[in-house]
Amino acid sequence: MARVAFLGLGVMGYPMAGHLARAGHEVTVYNRTATRAGAWVAEHGGRAAATPRAAADGAAFVMACVGNDDDLRAVCTGADGAFAGMAQGAVFVDHTTVSAAVTRDLAAQAEAAGLGYVDAPVSGGQAGAENGQLSIMCGGAQDAFDRAEPVMAVYAKICRRMGDTGAGQLAKMCNQIAIAGVVQGLAESLSFAERAGLSIPDLVEVISQGAAGSWQMQNRHATMAKGEFEFGFAVDWMRKDLGICLATADENGASLPLTALVDQFYKDVQNMGGGRWDTSSLIARLRAR
């Protein structure tokens, strides 16, 4: 068992930190909204810290799951940042989906301070975090990954090192690119079925057993049919992620025409007031036409 700090207690970080506590790790949490950290301690034990630096003090591993590039820099750097509180040899594990550029920059700062750094974005959504069934894509030095992997294992279905620093973030971009096309295809399929007068449950029961089946179909078709989107991975966050994908594609020359199109469809959903809706809300855009 290890002393672990967890920075960021959103819909993903809160249950992930909870798995660490239940596994027997000594967990200190930090959250920008202190009342959220207090609620976590009341539920799971451990302690809350007022700053990332205080949370990281004495921790062998510091895990972060925050919002974006700027949020990650804020919890890592500066006088109150986690790096300032970590002892040499400790490992920082970033579960945030951010750009490969900020990952490489922060990893270089960590290395200069004698710290390990693993970029480890996750996939599986809120349900995956709550059930400890996340897919974790990692980048970084092999030794840092080897040390951190048993800690991450408590909330992972699979945890795989994809390569050197930044490779985890690049793999997460591939994940989001694939999801964008699948969700749009599912939205169009269900919208077409509604207009054709087909039973959605009967349709999904049949086609999900063939080549059309997917995680999105299995887990989202019922709520899409009901027009329920007040849960899951928010459209605002998906647009942030797709923006990272498209910017990186401009750098490496990859062609992402479908990703660019679906990104604009999500912009339409935002304009409908659905920025905090689940990403499956693409069907709402089709219904509004």
Protein backbone atom coordinates (compact mmCIF):
# COMPACT_ATOMS: atom_id res chain seq x y z
CA MET A 1 0.00 0.00 0.00
CA ALA A 2 1.20 3.51 -0.78
CA ARG A 3 0.67 7.11 0.19
CA VAL A 4 -1.27 8.60 -2.72
CA ALA A 5 -2.55 12.09 -3.50
CA PHE A 6 -5.49 12.57 -5.85
CA LEU A 7 -6.05 16.00 -7.42
CA GLY A 8 -9.47 16.68 -8.93
CA LEU A 9 -12.70 15.12 -7.69
CA GLY A 10 -15.07 15.50 -10.62
CA VAL A 11 -17.37 12.79 -11.93
CA MET A 12 -14.32 10.69 -12.80
CA GLY A 13 -11.82 11.57 -10.09
CA TYR A 14 -14.20 11.20 -7.14
CA PRO A 15 -14.88 7.46 -7.69
CA MET A 16 -11.32 6.77 -8.86
CA ALA A 17 -9.93 8.16 -5.61
CA GLY A 18 -12.54 6.12 -3.77
CA HIS A 19 -11.22 2.91 -5.31
CA LEU A 20 -7.74 3.79 -4.07
CA ALA A 21 -9.02 4.27 -0.52
CA ARG A 22 -10.99 1.03 -0.56
CA ALA A 23 -7.90 -0.81 -1.79
CA GLY A 24 -6.08 0.28 1.35
CA HIS A 25 -3.95 3.14 0.05
CA GLU A 26 -3.44 6.17 2.28
CA VAL A 27 -5.17 8.85 0.22
CA THR A 28 -5.05 12.63 0.47
CA VAL A 29 -7.34 14.56 -1.88
CA TYR A 30 -7.39 18.06 -3.28
CA ASN A 31 -10.23 19.72 -5.16
CA ARG A 32 -10.62 23.30 -6.28
CA THR A 33 -14.02 23.35 -4.55
CA ALA A 34 -13.12 22.40 -0.99
CA THR A 35 -16.61 21.22 -0.06
CA ARG A 36 -16.30 18.45 -2.65
CA ALA A 37 -13.08 17.26 -1.01
CA GLY A 38 -14.77 17.39 2.39
CA ALA A 39 -17.62 15.23 1.13
CA TRP A 40 -15.12 12.69 -0.26
CA VAL A 41 -13.31 12.47 3.09
CA ALA A 42 -16.61 12.03 4.92
CA GLU A 43 -17.42 9.10 2.64
CA HIS A 44 -14.02 7.44 2.23
CA GLY A 45 -11.77 8.62 5.05
CA GLY A 46 -8.28 9.89 4.37
CA ARG A 47 -7.76 13.62 4.46
CA ALA A 48 -8.22 16.73 2.35
CA ALA A 49 -5.50 19.27 1.61
CA ALA A 50 -5.85 22.97 0.88
CA THR A 51 -3.39 23.00 -2.04
CA PRO A 52 -1.96 20.51 -4.54
CA ARG A 53 1.44 20.97 -2.90
CA ALA A 54 0.08 20.05 0.51
CA ALA A 55 -1.71 17.01 -0.91
CA ALA A 56 1.47 15.82 -2.65
CA ASP A 57 3.70 16.21 0.41
CA GLY A 58 5.04 12.76 1.29
CA ALA A 59 3.06 10.95 -1.43
CA ALA A 60 4.76 8.26 -3.49
CA PHE A 61 2.19 8.77 -6.24
CA VAL A 62 0.21 11.86 -7.21
CA MET A 63 -2.75 11.25 -9.52
CA ALA A 64 -4.57 14.08 -11.29
CA CYS A 65 -7.87 14.18 -13.15
CA VAL A 66 -8.76 17.79 -13.89
CA GLY A 67 -10.32 19.68 -16.78
CA ASN A 68 -7.87 20.87 -19.42
CA ASP A 69 -4.32 22.03 -20.16
CA ASP A 70 -4.58 25.16 -18.01
CA ASP A 71 -6.10 23.26 -15.07
CA LEU A 72 -3.32 20.69 -15.24
CA ARG A 73 -0.60 23.34 -15.27
CA ALA A 74 -2.27 25.02 -12.30
CA VAL A 75 -2.18 21.89 -10.11
CA CYS A 76 1.35 20.92 -11.18
CA THR A 77 3.40 24.11 -11.20
CA GLY A 78 3.99 27.18 -9.08
CA ALA A 79 4.58 27.58 -5.37
CA ASP A 80 1.40 25.69 -4.47
CA GLY A 81 1.69 23.12 -7.26
CA ALA A 82 2.12 19.40 -6.75
CA PHE A 83 5.65 19.33 -8.17
CA ALA A 84 6.80 21.66 -5.38
CA GLY A 85 5.55 19.22 -2.75
CA MET A 86 6.76 15.95 -4.26
CA ALA A 87 9.95 14.24 -3.10
CA GLN A 88 12.50 13.04 -5.63
CA GLY A 89 11.53 9.63 -6.99
CA ALA A 90 7.78 10.17 -6.57
CA VAL A 91 5.62 9.61 -9.66
CA PHE A 92 3.01 12.00 -11.08
CA VAL A 93 0.20 10.28 -13.01
CA ASP A 94 -2.03 12.48 -15.17
CA HIS A 95 -5.46 11.04 -16.00
CA THR A 96 -6.64 14.28 -17.64
CA THR A 97 -7.20 14.39 -21.39
CA VAL A 98 -4.85 17.17 -22.50
CA SER A 99 -2.61 18.01 -25.43
CA ALA A 100 0.56 16.02 -26.03
CA ALA A 101 2.42 19.35 -26.01
CA VAL A 102 1.51 20.24 -22.41
CA THR A 103 2.23 16.65 -21.42
CA ARG A 104 5.75 16.80 -22.82
CA ASP A 105 6.39 20.18 -21.19
CA LEU A 106 5.23 19.07 -17.75
CA ALA A 107 7.03 15.75 -18.05
CA ALA A 108 10.26 17.62 -18.78
CA GLN A 109 9.74 19.80 -15.70
CA ALA A 110 9.05 16.70 -13.61
CA GLU A 111 12.18 14.98 -14.89
CA ALA A 112 14.29 18.03 -14.07
CA ALA A 113 12.96 17.84 -10.51
CA GLY A 114 13.77 14.15 -10.19
CA LEU A 115 10.15 13.04 -10.53
CA GLY A 116 8.54 10.34 -12.66
CA TYR A 117 5.72 11.33 -14.99
CA VAL A 118 3.08 9.14 -16.66
CA ASP A 119 0.42 10.54 -18.98
CA ALA A 120 -2.50 8.19 -18.47
CA PRO A 121 -5.81 9.42 -19.93
CA VAL A 122 -8.79 7.15 -19.38
CA SER A 123 -11.80 5.91 -21.33
CA GLY A 124 -14.96 4.31 -20.02
CA GLY A 125 -16.94 7.26 -18.77
CA GLN A 126 -18.47 7.85 -15.38
CA ALA A 127 -19.77 4.28 -15.20
CA GLY A 128 -16.29 2.93 -15.89
CA ALA A 129 -14.84 5.09 -13.12
CA GLU A 130 -17.52 4.06 -10.64
CA ASN A 131 -17.15 0.36 -11.47
CA GLY A 132 -13.36 0.38 -11.62
CA GLN A 133 -13.43 -0.67 -15.27
CA LEU A 134 -11.51 2.07 -17.05
CA SER A 135 -9.27 1.66 -20.07
CA ILE A 136 -6.04 3.54 -19.34
CA MET A 137 -3.64 4.54 -22.13
CA CYS A 138 -0.20 5.46 -20.82
CA GLY A 139 2.93 7.21 -21.98
CA GLY A 140 6.21 7.71 -20.18
CA ALA A 141 9.35 5.95 -19.05
CA GLN A 142 8.98 2.21 -18.52
CA ASP A 143 10.17 2.33 -14.91
CA ALA A 144 7.69 5.06 -13.93
CA PHE A 145 4.87 3.12 -15.59
CA ASP A 146 5.89 -0.12 -13.89
CA ARG A 147 5.78 1.55 -10.49
CA ALA A 148 2.44 3.30 -11.07
CA GLU A 149 0.58 0.47 -12.85
CA PRO A 150 -0.30 -1.52 -9.68
CA VAL A 151 -1.83 1.64 -8.19
CA MET A 152 -3.86 2.39 -11.31
CA ALA A 153 -4.97 -1.24 -11.50
CA VAL A 154 -7.56 -0.72 -8.76
CA TYR A 155 -9.78 1.25 -11.16
CA ALA A 156 -8.63 -0.24 -14.49
CA LYS A 157 -10.04 -2.88 -16.76
CA ILE A 158 -6.89 -2.58 -18.87
CA CYS A 159 -3.81 -0.40 -18.37
CA ARG A 160 -1.31 -0.36 -21.23
CA ARG A 161 1.89 1.60 -21.86
CA MET A 162 1.69 2.91 -25.44
CA GLY A 163 5.17 4.41 -25.65
CA ASP A 164 7.20 7.36 -24.42
CA THR A 165 5.87 10.60 -22.97
CA GLY A 166 2.79 11.83 -24.83
CA ALA A 167 1.88 8.42 -26.28
CA GLY A 168 -0.97 8.01 -23.83
CA GLN A 169 -2.51 11.31 -24.90
CA LEU A 170 -2.10 10.40 -28.58
CA ALA A 171 -3.87 7.09 -27.94
CA LYS A 172 -6.70 8.93 -26.19
CA MET A 173 -7.05 11.15 -29.26
CA CYS A 174 -7.52 7.99 -31.34
CA ASN A 175 -10.17 6.89 -28.85
CA GLN A 176 -12.12 10.14 -29.17
CA ILE A 177 -11.84 10.15 -32.96
CA ALA A 178 -13.34 6.65 -33.07
CA ILE A 179 -16.12 7.51 -30.63
CA ALA A 180 -17.17 10.63 -32.53
CA GLY A 181 -17.93 8.70 -35.70
CA VAL A 182 -19.67 5.85 -33.87
CA VAL A 183 -21.99 8.15 -31.91
CA GLN A 184 -22.95 10.10 -35.02
CA GLY A 185 -23.67 6.86 -36.89
CA LEU A 186 -25.79 5.56 -34.01
CA ALA A 187 -27.70 8.85 -33.80
CA GLU A 188 -28.48 8.73 -37.52
CA SER A 189 -29.52 5.08 -37.32
CA LEU A 190 -31.94 5.64 -34.44
CA SER A 191 -33.31 8.84 -35.97
CA PHE A 192 -33.93 7.01 -39.24
CA ALA A 193 -35.65 4.16 -37.36
CA GLU A 194 -37.95 6.59 -35.57
CA ARG A 195 -39.02 8.21 -38.83
CA ALA A 196 -39.52 4.79 -40.38
CA GLY A 197 -41.79 3.69 -37.53
CA LEU A 198 -39.54 0.89 -36.25
CA SER A 199 -39.39 -0.27 -32.64
CA ILE A 200 -36.08 0.95 -31.24
CA PRO A 201 -35.74 -1.86 -28.65
CA ASP A 202 -36.49 -4.54 -31.26
CA LEU A 203 -34.16 -2.92 -33.78
CA VAL A 204 -31.25 -2.66 -31.34
CA GLU A 205 -31.76 -6.22 -30.13
CA VAL A 206 -31.30 -7.43 -33.68
CA ILE A 207 -28.57 -5.21 -35.07
CA SER A 208 -26.47 -5.09 -31.89
CA GLN A 209 -25.79 -8.81 -32.33
CA GLY A 210 -24.18 -8.20 -35.71
CA ALA A 211 -21.49 -5.99 -37.16
CA ALA A 212 -23.31 -2.78 -36.09
CA GLY A 213 -22.95 -3.55 -32.39
CA SER A 214 -20.89 -1.18 -30.20
CA TRP A 215 -20.45 -0.01 -26.62
CA GLN A 216 -22.35 3.14 -27.51
CA MET A 217 -25.28 1.18 -28.88
CA GLN A 218 -25.41 -1.13 -25.89
CA ASN A 219 -25.14 1.61 -23.28
CA ARG A 220 -26.78 4.63 -24.87
CA HIS A 221 -29.59 3.53 -27.23
CA ALA A 222 -32.31 3.48 -24.54
CA THR A 223 -31.56 6.96 -23.20
CA MET A 224 -31.16 8.32 -26.72
CA ALA A 225 -34.61 6.98 -27.59
CA LYS A 226 -36.05 8.69 -24.50
CA GLY A 227 -34.19 11.95 -25.11
CA GLU A 228 -32.39 11.69 -21.77
CA PHE A 229 -28.93 13.29 -21.77
CA GLU A 230 -28.40 14.68 -18.25
CA PHE A 231 -25.51 12.36 -17.41
CA GLY A 232 -22.25 10.98 -18.78
CA PHE A 233 -19.48 12.69 -20.72
CA ALA A 234 -20.43 16.27 -21.51
CA VAL A 235 -20.51 17.74 -25.01
CA ASP A 236 -18.34 20.65 -23.80
CA TRP A 237 -15.60 18.19 -22.82
CA MET A 238 -15.93 16.25 -26.06
CA ARG A 239 -15.45 19.44 -28.06
CA LYS A 240 -12.36 20.20 -26.00
CA ASP A 241 -11.01 16.74 -26.79
CA LEU A 242 -11.86 16.91 -30.49
CA GLY A 243 -10.19 20.31 -30.68
CA ILE A 244 -6.99 18.69 -29.38
CA CYS A 245 -7.36 15.93 -32.00
CA LEU A 246 -7.83 18.39 -34.85
CA ALA A 247 -4.94 20.61 -33.74
CA THR A 248 -2.65 17.59 -33.50
CA ALA A 249 -3.77 16.40 -36.93
CA ASP A 250 -2.72 19.77 -38.33
CA GLU A 251 0.73 19.12 -36.87
CA ASN A 252 1.20 15.52 -38.02
CA GLY A 253 -0.64 15.75 -41.35
CA ALA A 254 -3.44 13.30 -40.52
CA SER A 255 -6.75 13.79 -42.34
CA LEU A 256 -9.78 13.85 -40.02
CA PRO A 257 -12.75 14.92 -42.17
CA LEU A 258 -15.40 13.02 -40.19
CA THR A 259 -14.01 14.20 -36.87
CA ALA A 260 -14.12 17.82 -38.06
CA LEU A 261 -17.72 17.38 -39.20
CA VAL A 262 -18.90 15.78 -35.95
CA ASP A 263 -17.12 18.50 -33.98
CA GLN A 264 -19.35 21.03 -35.75
CA PHE A 265 -22.41 18.89 -35.01
CA TYR A 266 -21.48 19.06 -31.34
CA LYS A 267 -21.22 22.82 -31.72
CA ASP A 268 -24.85 22.75 -32.91
CA VAL A 269 -25.78 20.85 -29.74
CA GLN A 270 -24.02 23.48 -27.64
CA ASN A 271 -26.02 26.16 -29.44
CA MET A 272 -29.16 24.24 -28.48
CA GLY A 273 -28.16 24.61 -24.82
CA GLY A 274 -26.77 21.10 -24.57
CA GLY A 275 -23.18 21.81 -23.59
CA ARG A 276 -23.53 19.74 -20.43
CA TRP A 277 -25.54 16.96 -22.09
CA ASP A 278 -24.02 13.55 -22.67
CA THR A 279 -22.29 13.09 -26.02
CA SER A 280 -25.11 10.81 -27.18
CA SER A 281 -27.22 13.99 -27.53
CA LEU A 282 -26.20 14.20 -31.20
CA ILE A 283 -29.60 12.64 -31.88
CA ALA A 284 -31.29 15.75 -30.44
CA ARG A 285 -29.78 17.77 -33.27
CA LEU A 286 -31.30 15.42 -35.85
CA ARG A 287 -34.72 15.52 -34.17
CA ALA A 288 -34.65 19.32 -34.28
CA ARG A 289 -34.24 19.40 -38.04
